[in-house]
Structures are given as C-alpha cells and as structure tokens.
C-alpha cells in the first residue's frame, strides 16, 4: 500500500503571491541587456540609505505626529519613485498592467515616458548635486549659513554617517538618464514598433 502524499507538498512547491508579484515587477522584458538590468536594480539601492537615515528621527521626542508622518511618507515616496526606474526595463513599462482601470493592456506611450524620465533625471542630477555641494560648503541653497542642528554641522560620526547615506543620491539622476536612453532605443527599434508587429502578424500577400 503506497503512502499518501504529504498534504503540504503542493503548498510548499507553489510560489507565494508576494514572490510571484516581486518577480513579475522586476523581470526584464526581451531585449534588455544584463548591464541595463543592473543599472535599473541599482536605482532603488541608491535611495535606500537616505530613506533609512531619516527614519530614526521619528523616535525623536521633539518631533510632533505631523512631522513624524511626513518623515515616513517622504521615505516611502522616495523608494516608490526610485522603483519606477524598474519600469524602464520591465514589461509593465511597455504595457499597462491589467489591473489599472481603463488603461490595462494598452501600450505605454513611449514619448511621454521618455520625456517624464528625462525631466526627472535632469532635476535629480542638478538637485542632488547642488544640495550636497551646499552641505559641504556649509550653506543653504540660498547662500545662508546652515543652522547649528543641521546634520552637516553635527561633526564627528554623525556628519560622516549623513554624508555616507546621502552621497549615493548623486547616482540617481545619471542612472535614470542612462536607463531612459536605453528605453528609448529599445522602444524605437523597428521590431518593437506597433506597425512592425502588426505587419509581422499579417499573412503574406496571396495567402488567405
């Protein structure tokens, strides 16, 4: 008599929903090189240190509930914006996911995506570089002296930790710019154009 199969075997071999969603969100589409994949995966990592650096401030007794909520929101928003760089290599960056109302299944507009990404890359590059330069010089963007409680003025390990966490942000803009160029080239390739795909699906002339 054969033993009954273990009841937990199907569950153990079936990937969880979270893992499946993670893989679907990060899986690169056809035509994306390994180098471009690594650049896209690096973008959220460049933002993560600064997001983590801000979170301990939530435990500060001198900060009210509103400021605490803002700090958490800012960290979450930063990571969410950084994650959109994955869309420049993934399928959901070319075709809207099915769960998006009205847009699900439609092609993502190439020109609008490129313009938005290029604008973001420019703002991030200039903004983060300017912010770090002013911190190093000990001034605000307007040229005023930094307040004594500024992280850049704390001195010692506090200042070193601040710069170590915020310095990677300099890479966010350039990485996004490189991904935008690669996205534009891939979407504009003849085989990826809508007309080319439509022609490829049509039967040769003279055939039914």
N, C-alpha and C. Protein backbone atom coordinates (compact mmCIF):
# COMPACT_ATOMS: atom_id res chain seq x y z
N UNK A 1 0.85 -1.20 0.00
CA UNK A 1 0.00 0.00 0.00
C UNK A 1 0.88 1.25 0.00
N UNK A 2 0.68 2.14 -0.99
CA UNK A 2 1.52 3.32 -1.10
C UNK A 2 1.09 4.38 -0.09
N UNK A 3 2.05 5.04 0.52
CA UNK A 3 1.69 6.10 1.48
C UNK A 3 1.08 7.28 0.76
N UNK A 4 0.16 7.91 1.44
CA UNK A 4 -0.47 9.09 0.87
C UNK A 4 0.53 10.23 0.76
N UNK A 5 0.46 11.03 -0.29
CA UNK A 5 1.37 12.17 -0.40
C UNK A 5 1.15 13.16 0.72
N UNK A 6 2.22 13.82 1.09
CA UNK A 6 2.13 14.79 2.18
C UNK A 6 1.21 15.93 1.78
N UNK A 7 0.35 16.32 2.68
CA UNK A 7 -0.67 17.32 2.35
C UNK A 7 -0.08 18.68 2.05
N UNK A 8 1.15 18.97 2.55
CA UNK A 8 1.72 20.30 2.39
C UNK A 8 2.60 20.40 1.16
N UNK A 9 2.75 19.29 0.41
CA UNK A 9 3.65 19.32 -0.74
C UNK A 9 3.23 20.34 -1.78
N UNK A 10 1.93 20.38 -2.22
CA UNK A 10 1.56 21.38 -3.23
C UNK A 10 1.79 22.80 -2.77
N UNK A 11 1.50 23.07 -1.49
CA UNK A 11 1.70 24.41 -0.98
C UNK A 11 3.16 24.78 -0.94
N UNK A 12 4.02 23.81 -0.59
CA UNK A 12 5.44 24.09 -0.47
C UNK A 12 6.07 24.36 -1.82
N UNK A 13 5.55 23.69 -2.88
CA UNK A 13 6.16 23.86 -4.20
C UNK A 13 5.57 25.03 -4.97
N UNK A 14 4.39 25.53 -4.56
CA UNK A 14 3.77 26.64 -5.26
C UNK A 14 4.31 27.96 -4.71
N UNK A 15 4.88 28.81 -5.59
CA UNK A 15 5.42 30.08 -5.09
C UNK A 15 4.33 30.96 -4.51
N UNK A 16 4.66 31.71 -3.48
CA UNK A 16 3.71 32.60 -2.85
C UNK A 16 3.34 33.76 -3.74
N UNK A 17 2.25 34.40 -3.41
CA UNK A 17 1.79 35.53 -4.22
C UNK A 17 2.77 36.68 -4.19
N UNK A 18 3.36 36.93 -3.01
CA UNK A 18 4.30 38.03 -2.89
C UNK A 18 5.53 37.79 -3.77
N UNK A 19 6.03 36.57 -3.73
CA UNK A 19 7.20 36.24 -4.55
C UNK A 19 6.87 36.35 -6.03
N UNK A 20 5.69 35.88 -6.42
CA UNK A 20 5.29 35.96 -7.82
C UNK A 20 5.16 37.41 -8.27
N UNK A 21 4.55 38.24 -7.43
CA UNK A 21 4.40 39.66 -7.76
C UNK A 21 5.77 40.35 -7.85
N UNK A 22 6.67 39.99 -6.94
CA UNK A 22 8.02 40.57 -6.96
C UNK A 22 8.74 40.22 -8.26
N UNK A 23 8.66 38.96 -8.65
CA UNK A 23 9.33 38.53 -9.87
C UNK A 23 8.72 39.18 -11.09
N UNK A 24 7.40 39.30 -11.11
CA UNK A 24 6.74 39.93 -12.25
C UNK A 24 7.10 41.40 -12.36
N UNK A 25 7.25 42.07 -11.21
CA UNK A 25 7.56 43.50 -11.23
C UNK A 25 9.00 43.78 -11.64
N UNK A 26 9.91 42.84 -11.37
CA UNK A 26 11.33 43.06 -11.64
C UNK A 26 11.85 42.34 -12.87
N UNK A 27 11.07 41.42 -13.42
CA UNK A 27 11.55 40.64 -14.56
C UNK A 27 11.74 41.53 -15.78
N UNK A 28 12.93 41.54 -16.37
CA UNK A 28 13.16 42.40 -17.54
C UNK A 28 12.46 41.86 -18.77
N UNK A 29 12.07 42.75 -19.66
CA UNK A 29 11.46 42.36 -20.90
C UNK A 29 12.52 41.95 -21.91
N UNK A 30 12.13 41.40 -23.02
CA UNK A 30 13.07 40.95 -24.03
C UNK A 30 13.86 42.13 -24.59
N UNK A 31 15.14 41.90 -24.82
CA UNK A 31 15.99 42.93 -25.41
C UNK A 31 16.75 43.78 -24.42
N UNK A 32 16.55 43.56 -23.13
CA UNK A 32 17.26 44.33 -22.10
C UNK A 32 18.55 43.59 -21.74
N UNK A 33 19.66 44.28 -21.86
CA UNK A 33 20.96 43.66 -21.57
C UNK A 33 21.16 43.51 -20.06
N UNK A 34 22.12 42.67 -19.71
CA UNK A 34 22.42 42.45 -18.30
C UNK A 34 22.92 43.73 -17.64
N UNK A 35 23.69 44.53 -18.35
CA UNK A 35 24.21 45.77 -17.79
C UNK A 35 23.08 46.75 -17.46
N UNK A 36 22.10 46.86 -18.37
CA UNK A 36 20.98 47.76 -18.13
C UNK A 36 20.13 47.26 -16.98
N UNK A 37 19.98 45.95 -16.86
CA UNK A 37 19.24 45.39 -15.72
C UNK A 37 19.88 45.81 -14.40
N UNK A 38 21.20 45.69 -14.32
CA UNK A 38 21.90 46.03 -13.09
C UNK A 38 21.75 47.52 -12.76
N UNK A 39 21.78 48.36 -13.80
CA UNK A 39 21.60 49.80 -13.57
C UNK A 39 20.22 50.08 -12.98
N UNK A 40 19.20 49.40 -13.52
CA UNK A 40 17.84 49.61 -13.02
C UNK A 40 17.69 49.12 -11.59
N UNK A 41 18.26 47.96 -11.29
CA UNK A 41 18.15 47.43 -9.93
C UNK A 41 18.94 48.28 -8.93
N UNK A 42 19.93 49.01 -9.41
CA UNK A 42 20.76 49.83 -8.51
C UNK A 42 20.05 51.11 -8.08
N UNK A 43 19.08 51.57 -8.86
CA UNK A 43 18.43 52.86 -8.55
C UNK A 43 17.76 52.84 -7.18
N UNK A 44 16.90 51.86 -6.85
CA UNK A 44 16.30 51.87 -5.50
C UNK A 44 17.35 51.77 -4.40
N UNK A 45 18.48 51.11 -4.69
CA UNK A 45 19.53 50.97 -3.67
C UNK A 45 20.24 52.29 -3.41
N UNK A 46 20.29 53.17 -4.40
CA UNK A 46 20.93 54.48 -4.18
C UNK A 46 20.08 55.36 -3.28
N UNK A 47 18.77 55.12 -3.27
CA UNK A 47 17.85 55.93 -2.46
C UNK A 47 17.65 55.34 -1.07
N UNK A 48 17.83 54.05 -0.94
CA UNK A 48 17.54 53.36 0.32
C UNK A 48 18.33 53.91 1.52
N UNK A 49 19.66 54.17 1.43
CA UNK A 49 20.38 54.67 2.61
C UNK A 49 19.81 55.96 3.18
N UNK A 50 19.48 56.92 2.33
CA UNK A 50 18.93 58.18 2.83
C UNK A 50 17.54 57.98 3.42
N UNK A 51 16.76 57.06 2.85
CA UNK A 51 15.43 56.78 3.40
C UNK A 51 15.55 56.18 4.80
N UNK A 52 16.51 55.28 4.96
CA UNK A 52 16.73 54.67 6.28
C UNK A 52 17.27 55.70 7.26
N UNK A 53 18.14 56.59 6.80
CA UNK A 53 18.74 57.60 7.68
C UNK A 53 17.68 58.49 8.31
N UNK A 54 16.61 58.80 7.57
CA UNK A 54 15.58 59.69 8.09
C UNK A 54 14.69 59.04 9.14
N UNK A 55 14.50 57.73 9.07
CA UNK A 55 13.52 57.07 9.92
C UNK A 55 13.76 57.20 11.42
N UNK A 56 15.01 57.12 11.91
CA UNK A 56 15.20 57.27 13.36
C UNK A 56 14.70 58.60 13.92
N UNK A 57 14.59 59.62 13.07
CA UNK A 57 14.08 60.92 13.54
C UNK A 57 12.64 60.82 14.02
N UNK A 58 11.92 59.77 13.57
CA UNK A 58 10.54 59.60 14.01
C UNK A 58 10.47 59.37 15.51
N UNK A 59 11.52 58.79 16.09
CA UNK A 59 11.55 58.49 17.52
C UNK A 59 12.00 59.67 18.37
N UNK A 60 12.32 60.78 17.73
CA UNK A 60 12.76 61.97 18.47
C UNK A 60 11.58 62.57 19.22
N UNK A 61 11.77 62.83 20.51
CA UNK A 61 10.69 63.38 21.34
C UNK A 61 10.29 64.79 20.92
N UNK A 62 11.21 65.52 20.25
CA UNK A 62 10.90 66.89 19.88
C UNK A 62 10.14 67.02 18.58
N UNK A 63 9.77 65.92 17.96
CA UNK A 63 9.06 65.95 16.69
C UNK A 63 7.60 65.54 16.91
N UNK A 64 6.70 66.33 16.37
CA UNK A 64 5.27 66.07 16.54
C UNK A 64 4.77 64.99 15.59
N UNK A 65 3.52 64.55 15.77
CA UNK A 65 2.94 63.49 14.93
C UNK A 65 2.92 63.85 13.45
N UNK A 66 2.65 65.11 13.16
CA UNK A 66 2.62 65.53 11.76
C UNK A 66 3.98 65.38 11.09
N UNK A 67 5.02 65.82 11.78
CA UNK A 67 6.37 65.69 11.23
C UNK A 67 6.80 64.23 11.13
N UNK A 68 6.40 63.42 12.10
CA UNK A 68 6.72 62.00 12.05
C UNK A 68 6.08 61.34 10.83
N UNK A 69 4.81 61.66 10.59
CA UNK A 69 4.12 61.10 9.43
C UNK A 69 4.78 61.58 8.13
N UNK A 70 5.23 62.84 8.12
CA UNK A 70 5.88 63.38 6.92
C UNK A 70 7.20 62.65 6.64
N UNK A 71 7.97 62.37 7.68
CA UNK A 71 9.26 61.69 7.50
C UNK A 71 9.05 60.30 6.92
N UNK A 72 8.09 59.57 7.48
CA UNK A 72 7.80 58.23 6.97
C UNK A 72 7.28 58.30 5.54
N UNK A 73 6.39 59.25 5.29
CA UNK A 73 5.84 59.41 3.94
C UNK A 73 6.94 59.75 2.94
N UNK A 74 7.86 60.62 3.31
CA UNK A 74 8.94 61.02 2.41
C UNK A 74 9.84 59.83 2.07
N UNK A 75 10.14 59.00 3.06
CA UNK A 75 10.98 57.83 2.81
C UNK A 75 10.28 56.84 1.90
N UNK A 76 9.00 56.59 2.16
CA UNK A 76 8.24 55.65 1.33
C UNK A 76 8.08 56.19 -0.09
N UNK A 77 7.79 57.49 -0.20
CA UNK A 77 7.62 58.10 -1.52
C UNK A 77 8.92 58.05 -2.32
N UNK A 78 10.04 58.30 -1.65
CA UNK A 78 11.34 58.26 -2.33
C UNK A 78 11.61 56.89 -2.93
N UNK A 79 11.33 55.85 -2.14
CA UNK A 79 11.56 54.49 -2.64
C UNK A 79 10.58 54.15 -3.76
N UNK A 80 9.34 54.63 -3.65
CA UNK A 80 8.35 54.36 -4.70
C UNK A 80 8.76 55.02 -6.02
N UNK A 81 9.25 56.25 -5.93
CA UNK A 81 9.71 56.94 -7.14
C UNK A 81 10.94 56.25 -7.72
N UNK A 82 11.84 55.80 -6.85
CA UNK A 82 13.03 55.10 -7.34
C UNK A 82 12.64 53.79 -8.02
N UNK A 83 11.60 53.14 -7.52
CA UNK A 83 11.19 51.86 -8.10
C UNK A 83 10.66 52.03 -9.52
N UNK A 84 10.15 53.21 -9.87
CA UNK A 84 9.64 53.41 -11.23
C UNK A 84 10.73 53.23 -12.28
N UNK A 85 12.00 53.31 -11.87
CA UNK A 85 13.09 53.07 -12.82
C UNK A 85 13.06 51.64 -13.33
N UNK A 86 12.54 50.71 -12.53
CA UNK A 86 12.43 49.32 -12.96
C UNK A 86 11.49 49.22 -14.16
N UNK A 87 10.52 50.12 -14.23
CA UNK A 87 9.59 50.10 -15.36
C UNK A 87 10.26 50.35 -16.69
N UNK A 88 11.46 50.93 -16.67
CA UNK A 88 12.18 51.18 -17.92
C UNK A 88 12.83 49.92 -18.47
N UNK A 89 12.79 48.83 -17.72
CA UNK A 89 13.32 47.56 -18.24
C UNK A 89 12.28 46.45 -18.19
N UNK A 90 11.17 46.65 -17.47
CA UNK A 90 10.19 45.60 -17.25
C UNK A 90 9.03 45.72 -18.23
N UNK A 91 8.25 44.65 -18.30
CA UNK A 91 7.11 44.60 -19.20
C UNK A 91 6.07 45.66 -18.86
N UNK A 92 5.88 45.93 -17.54
CA UNK A 92 4.86 46.90 -17.16
C UNK A 92 5.24 48.32 -17.53
N UNK A 93 6.47 48.53 -18.00
CA UNK A 93 6.88 49.83 -18.51
C UNK A 93 6.58 49.99 -19.99
N UNK A 94 6.10 48.91 -20.63
CA UNK A 94 5.74 48.95 -22.04
C UNK A 94 4.25 48.73 -22.26
N UNK A 95 3.63 47.93 -21.38
CA UNK A 95 2.20 47.66 -21.46
C UNK A 95 1.61 47.85 -20.06
N UNK A 96 0.58 48.65 -19.94
CA UNK A 96 -0.04 48.89 -18.64
C UNK A 96 -0.56 47.57 -18.05
N UNK A 97 -0.31 47.31 -16.75
CA UNK A 97 -0.84 46.10 -16.12
C UNK A 97 -2.36 46.03 -16.23
N UNK A 98 -2.89 44.82 -16.24
CA UNK A 98 -4.32 44.62 -16.47
C UNK A 98 -5.18 45.19 -15.37
N UNK A 99 -4.60 45.39 -14.15
CA UNK A 99 -5.42 45.84 -13.03
C UNK A 99 -5.61 47.36 -13.00
N UNK A 100 -4.97 48.08 -13.93
CA UNK A 100 -5.15 49.54 -13.97
C UNK A 100 -6.43 49.86 -14.74
N UNK A 101 -7.38 50.54 -14.11
CA UNK A 101 -8.65 50.84 -14.79
C UNK A 101 -8.43 51.64 -16.07
N UNK A 102 -9.17 51.28 -17.11
CA UNK A 102 -9.21 51.96 -18.40
C UNK A 102 -7.93 51.79 -19.23
N UNK A 103 -6.78 51.65 -18.58
CA UNK A 103 -5.51 51.58 -19.29
C UNK A 103 -4.95 50.16 -19.39
N UNK A 104 -5.47 49.23 -18.59
CA UNK A 104 -4.92 47.89 -18.54
C UNK A 104 -4.86 47.23 -19.91
N UNK A 105 -3.67 46.74 -20.28
CA UNK A 105 -3.48 46.07 -21.56
C UNK A 105 -3.05 46.99 -22.68
N UNK A 106 -3.14 48.28 -22.50
CA UNK A 106 -2.73 49.24 -23.54
C UNK A 106 -1.22 49.48 -23.49
N UNK A 107 -0.67 49.88 -24.61
CA UNK A 107 0.76 50.20 -24.67
C UNK A 107 1.06 51.49 -23.93
N UNK A 108 2.15 51.51 -23.21
CA UNK A 108 2.60 52.72 -22.52
C UNK A 108 3.18 53.67 -23.57
N UNK A 109 2.75 54.92 -23.63
CA UNK A 109 3.28 55.86 -24.64
C UNK A 109 4.79 56.06 -24.47
N UNK A 110 5.52 55.77 -25.52
CA UNK A 110 6.98 55.87 -25.44
C UNK A 110 7.45 57.30 -25.22
N UNK A 111 6.93 58.21 -26.01
CA UNK A 111 7.39 59.60 -25.93
C UNK A 111 7.10 60.21 -24.56
N UNK A 112 5.90 59.98 -24.03
CA UNK A 112 5.55 60.54 -22.72
C UNK A 112 6.44 59.96 -21.63
N UNK A 113 6.73 58.68 -21.71
CA UNK A 113 7.59 58.05 -20.72
C UNK A 113 9.00 58.62 -20.77
N UNK A 114 9.52 58.77 -21.97
CA UNK A 114 10.89 59.28 -22.13
C UNK A 114 10.99 60.72 -21.65
N UNK A 115 10.01 61.54 -22.00
CA UNK A 115 10.05 62.94 -21.58
C UNK A 115 9.98 63.04 -20.06
N UNK A 116 9.10 62.26 -19.45
CA UNK A 116 8.97 62.29 -17.99
C UNK A 116 10.24 61.81 -17.31
N UNK A 117 10.81 60.71 -17.80
CA UNK A 117 12.02 60.17 -17.19
C UNK A 117 13.21 61.10 -17.39
N UNK A 118 13.33 61.68 -18.58
CA UNK A 118 14.44 62.59 -18.85
C UNK A 118 14.35 63.84 -17.98
N UNK A 119 13.13 64.35 -17.82
CA UNK A 119 12.94 65.51 -16.94
C UNK A 119 13.30 65.17 -15.51
N UNK A 120 12.84 64.02 -15.04
CA UNK A 120 13.18 63.60 -13.69
C UNK A 120 14.67 63.40 -13.50
N UNK A 121 15.34 62.82 -14.49
CA UNK A 121 16.78 62.61 -14.39
C UNK A 121 17.53 63.94 -14.31
N UNK A 122 17.08 64.92 -15.08
CA UNK A 122 17.73 66.23 -15.06
C UNK A 122 17.55 66.92 -13.71
N UNK A 123 16.31 66.91 -13.21
CA UNK A 123 16.03 67.55 -11.92
C UNK A 123 16.81 66.86 -10.79
N UNK A 124 16.83 65.53 -10.80
CA UNK A 124 17.53 64.79 -9.76
C UNK A 124 19.03 65.05 -9.79
N UNK A 125 19.60 65.05 -10.99
CA UNK A 125 21.04 65.27 -11.11
C UNK A 125 21.44 66.64 -10.59
N UNK A 126 20.72 67.66 -11.05
CA UNK A 126 21.06 69.02 -10.62
C UNK A 126 20.71 69.25 -9.15
N UNK A 127 19.56 68.76 -8.73
CA UNK A 127 19.12 69.00 -7.36
C UNK A 127 19.98 68.33 -6.32
N UNK A 128 20.28 67.04 -6.50
CA UNK A 128 21.09 66.33 -5.51
C UNK A 128 22.52 66.84 -5.48
N UNK A 129 23.07 67.15 -6.65
CA UNK A 129 24.43 67.67 -6.69
C UNK A 129 24.50 69.03 -5.99
N UNK A 130 23.53 69.89 -6.25
CA UNK A 130 23.53 71.21 -5.62
C UNK A 130 23.35 71.09 -4.11
N UNK A 131 22.48 70.19 -3.67
CA UNK A 131 22.24 70.03 -2.23
C UNK A 131 23.49 69.57 -1.50
N UNK A 132 24.18 68.59 -2.08
CA UNK A 132 25.38 68.08 -1.42
C UNK A 132 26.51 69.10 -1.42
N UNK A 133 26.63 69.87 -2.52
CA UNK A 133 27.67 70.89 -2.59
C UNK A 133 27.43 71.96 -1.53
N UNK A 134 26.18 72.38 -1.38
CA UNK A 134 25.89 73.40 -0.38
C UNK A 134 26.11 72.86 1.04
N UNK A 135 25.83 71.58 1.25
CA UNK A 135 26.09 70.97 2.56
C UNK A 135 27.58 70.97 2.87
N UNK A 136 28.37 70.64 1.87
CA UNK A 136 29.82 70.62 2.08
C UNK A 136 30.34 72.03 2.35
N UNK A 137 29.78 73.03 1.66
CA UNK A 137 30.20 74.41 1.85
C UNK A 137 29.63 75.01 3.13
N UNK A 138 28.68 74.34 3.75
CA UNK A 138 28.09 74.84 4.99
C UNK A 138 27.06 75.93 4.78
N UNK A 139 26.40 75.93 3.62
CA UNK A 139 25.39 76.94 3.33
C UNK A 139 24.13 76.28 2.81
N UNK A 140 23.03 77.01 2.85
CA UNK A 140 21.80 76.55 2.23
C UNK A 140 21.85 76.87 0.74
N UNK A 141 20.84 76.45 0.01
CA UNK A 141 20.78 76.74 -1.42
C UNK A 141 20.72 78.24 -1.67
N UNK A 142 20.12 78.98 -0.75
CA UNK A 142 20.03 80.44 -0.89
C UNK A 142 21.30 81.14 -0.47
N UNK A 143 22.27 80.40 0.08
CA UNK A 143 23.53 81.01 0.47
C UNK A 143 23.65 81.34 1.94
N UNK A 144 22.59 81.10 2.72
CA UNK A 144 22.65 81.36 4.15
C UNK A 144 23.43 80.26 4.86
N UNK A 145 23.98 80.59 6.02
CA UNK A 145 24.72 79.59 6.80
C UNK A 145 23.77 78.52 7.31
N UNK A 146 24.24 77.27 7.32
CA UNK A 146 23.43 76.18 7.83
C UNK A 146 23.18 76.34 9.32
N UNK A 147 22.01 75.98 9.81
CA UNK A 147 21.75 76.06 11.25
C UNK A 147 22.63 75.07 12.01
N UNK A 148 22.82 75.33 13.29
CA UNK A 148 23.72 74.50 14.10
C UNK A 148 23.24 73.06 14.21
N UNK A 149 21.91 72.84 14.13
CA UNK A 149 21.38 71.49 14.25
C UNK A 149 21.33 70.73 12.92
N UNK A 150 21.91 71.30 11.87
CA UNK A 150 21.94 70.63 10.58
C UNK A 150 22.84 69.39 10.66
N UNK A 151 22.49 68.28 10.02
CA UNK A 151 23.33 67.07 10.06
C UNK A 151 24.75 67.33 9.58
N UNK A 152 24.89 68.23 8.61
CA UNK A 152 26.21 68.53 8.10
C UNK A 152 27.08 69.31 9.06
N UNK A 153 26.46 69.89 10.09
CA UNK A 153 27.19 70.67 11.07
C UNK A 153 27.37 69.94 12.40
N UNK A 154 26.87 68.73 12.47
CA UNK A 154 26.92 67.99 13.74
C UNK A 154 28.34 67.60 14.12
N UNK A 155 29.15 67.29 13.11
CA UNK A 155 30.54 66.90 13.36
C UNK A 155 30.64 65.43 13.78
N UNK A 156 31.84 64.89 13.65
CA UNK A 156 32.10 63.52 14.07
C UNK A 156 31.39 62.49 13.22
N UNK A 157 31.02 61.38 13.88
CA UNK A 157 30.40 60.27 13.17
C UNK A 157 29.01 60.63 12.65
N UNK A 158 28.33 61.57 13.32
CA UNK A 158 27.02 61.97 12.85
C UNK A 158 27.06 62.56 11.45
N UNK A 159 28.01 63.46 11.22
CA UNK A 159 28.15 64.06 9.90
C UNK A 159 28.64 63.05 8.88
N UNK A 160 29.58 62.20 9.27
CA UNK A 160 30.10 61.18 8.36
C UNK A 160 29.00 60.22 7.92
N UNK A 161 28.15 59.82 8.86
CA UNK A 161 27.04 58.92 8.54
C UNK A 161 26.03 59.60 7.62
N UNK A 162 25.80 60.88 7.85
CA UNK A 162 24.88 61.64 7.00
C UNK A 162 25.37 61.66 5.55
N UNK A 163 26.64 62.01 5.36
CA UNK A 163 27.18 62.06 4.00
C UNK A 163 27.23 60.69 3.36
N UNK A 164 27.53 59.65 4.12
CA UNK A 164 27.60 58.30 3.57
C UNK A 164 26.23 57.84 3.07
N UNK A 165 25.17 58.27 3.75
CA UNK A 165 23.82 57.87 3.36
C UNK A 165 23.26 58.70 2.21
N UNK A 166 23.66 59.96 2.14
CA UNK A 166 23.10 60.84 1.12
C UNK A 166 23.96 60.92 -0.14
N UNK A 167 25.22 60.57 -0.06
CA UNK A 167 26.08 60.64 -1.25
C UNK A 167 25.59 59.76 -2.39
N UNK A 168 25.08 58.54 -2.14
CA UNK A 168 24.60 57.73 -3.27
C UNK A 168 23.49 58.37 -4.09
N UNK A 169 22.80 59.36 -3.52
CA UNK A 169 21.73 60.01 -4.27
C UNK A 169 22.24 60.70 -5.53
N UNK A 170 23.53 61.03 -5.56
CA UNK A 170 24.11 61.66 -6.75
C UNK A 170 23.96 60.76 -7.96
N UNK A 171 23.95 59.44 -7.73
CA UNK A 171 23.87 58.49 -8.85
C UNK A 171 22.46 58.33 -9.39
N UNK A 172 21.46 58.75 -8.64
CA UNK A 172 20.07 58.52 -9.05
C UNK A 172 19.79 59.14 -10.42
N UNK A 173 20.10 60.41 -10.59
CA UNK A 173 19.83 61.10 -11.85
C UNK A 173 20.58 60.50 -13.03
N UNK A 174 21.92 60.34 -12.95
CA UNK A 174 22.64 59.75 -14.07
C UNK A 174 22.19 58.34 -14.42
N UNK A 175 21.89 57.52 -13.41
CA UNK A 175 21.41 56.17 -13.69
C UNK A 175 20.06 56.21 -14.42
N UNK A 176 19.18 57.09 -13.97
CA UNK A 176 17.89 57.22 -14.62
C UNK A 176 18.04 57.72 -16.05
N UNK A 177 19.00 58.61 -16.28
CA UNK A 177 19.25 59.11 -17.63
C UNK A 177 19.72 57.99 -18.55
N UNK A 178 20.64 57.15 -18.07
CA UNK A 178 21.12 56.03 -18.88
C UNK A 178 20.00 55.05 -19.19
N UNK A 179 19.15 54.78 -18.22
CA UNK A 179 18.02 53.87 -18.43
C UNK A 179 17.01 54.46 -19.42
N UNK A 180 16.84 55.77 -19.37
CA UNK A 180 15.91 56.43 -20.29
C UNK A 180 16.38 56.31 -21.72
N UNK A 181 17.68 56.52 -21.94
CA UNK A 181 18.24 56.39 -23.30
C UNK A 181 18.07 54.97 -23.81
N UNK A 182 18.39 53.99 -22.95
CA UNK A 182 18.25 52.59 -23.35
C UNK A 182 16.80 52.24 -23.65
N UNK A 183 15.88 52.77 -22.85
CA UNK A 183 14.45 52.54 -23.06
C UNK A 183 14.00 53.11 -24.39
N UNK A 184 14.45 54.31 -24.67
CA UNK A 184 14.08 54.97 -25.93
C UNK A 184 14.59 54.18 -27.13
N UNK A 185 15.82 53.73 -27.08
CA UNK A 185 16.39 52.97 -28.19
C UNK A 185 15.66 51.64 -28.38
N UNK A 186 15.34 50.99 -27.28
CA UNK A 186 14.67 49.69 -27.39
C UNK A 186 13.25 49.84 -27.92
N UNK A 187 12.52 50.84 -27.43
CA UNK A 187 11.14 51.02 -27.88
C UNK A 187 11.08 51.53 -29.32
N UNK A 188 12.12 52.21 -29.77
CA UNK A 188 12.13 52.74 -31.14
C UNK A 188 12.73 51.77 -32.14
N UNK A 189 13.21 50.62 -31.66
CA UNK A 189 13.75 49.62 -32.57
C UNK A 189 12.64 49.15 -33.52
N UNK A 190 12.97 48.88 -34.80
CA UNK A 190 11.93 48.50 -35.78
C UNK A 190 11.06 47.34 -35.34
N UNK A 191 11.68 46.33 -34.69
CA UNK A 191 10.89 45.15 -34.31
C UNK A 191 9.94 45.43 -33.15
N UNK A 192 10.14 46.55 -32.45
CA UNK A 192 9.27 46.89 -31.32
C UNK A 192 8.23 47.94 -31.65
N UNK A 193 8.25 48.43 -32.88
CA UNK A 193 7.26 49.42 -33.28
C UNK A 193 5.91 48.75 -33.52
N UNK A 194 4.79 49.41 -33.17
CA UNK A 194 3.47 48.81 -33.37
C UNK A 194 3.22 48.40 -34.81
N UNK A 195 3.62 49.24 -35.79
CA UNK A 195 3.38 48.92 -37.20
C UNK A 195 4.14 47.67 -37.61
N UNK A 196 5.38 47.53 -37.08
CA UNK A 196 6.18 46.37 -37.43
C UNK A 196 5.57 45.10 -36.87
N UNK A 197 5.06 45.16 -35.63
CA UNK A 197 4.44 43.99 -35.03
C UNK A 197 3.16 43.63 -35.78
N UNK A 198 2.40 44.64 -36.20
CA UNK A 198 1.15 44.38 -36.92
C UNK A 198 1.46 43.71 -38.25
N UNK A 199 2.51 44.20 -38.95
CA UNK A 199 2.88 43.64 -40.25
C UNK A 199 3.35 42.21 -40.09
N UNK A 200 4.08 41.92 -39.00
CA UNK A 200 4.60 40.58 -38.79
C UNK A 200 3.48 39.57 -38.57
N UNK A 201 2.34 40.03 -38.06
CA UNK A 201 1.22 39.13 -37.79
C UNK A 201 0.36 38.91 -39.02
N UNK A 202 0.48 39.75 -40.06
CA UNK A 202 -0.32 39.62 -41.26
C UNK A 202 0.21 38.51 -42.13
N UNK A 203 -0.64 37.73 -42.80
CA UNK A 203 -0.18 36.67 -43.69
C UNK A 203 0.46 37.26 -44.93
N UNK A 204 1.39 36.57 -45.57
CA UNK A 204 1.98 37.06 -46.81
C UNK A 204 0.92 37.29 -47.88
N UNK A 205 1.23 38.18 -48.82
CA UNK A 205 0.27 38.50 -49.87
C UNK A 205 0.01 37.28 -50.73
N UNK A 206 -1.23 37.11 -51.10
CA UNK A 206 -1.59 35.97 -51.93
C UNK A 206 -2.04 34.77 -51.13
N UNK A 207 -1.89 34.82 -49.80
CA UNK A 207 -2.32 33.73 -48.96
C UNK A 207 -3.55 34.14 -48.18
N UNK A 208 -4.41 33.21 -47.79
CA UNK A 208 -5.61 33.59 -47.01
C UNK A 208 -5.25 33.95 -45.62
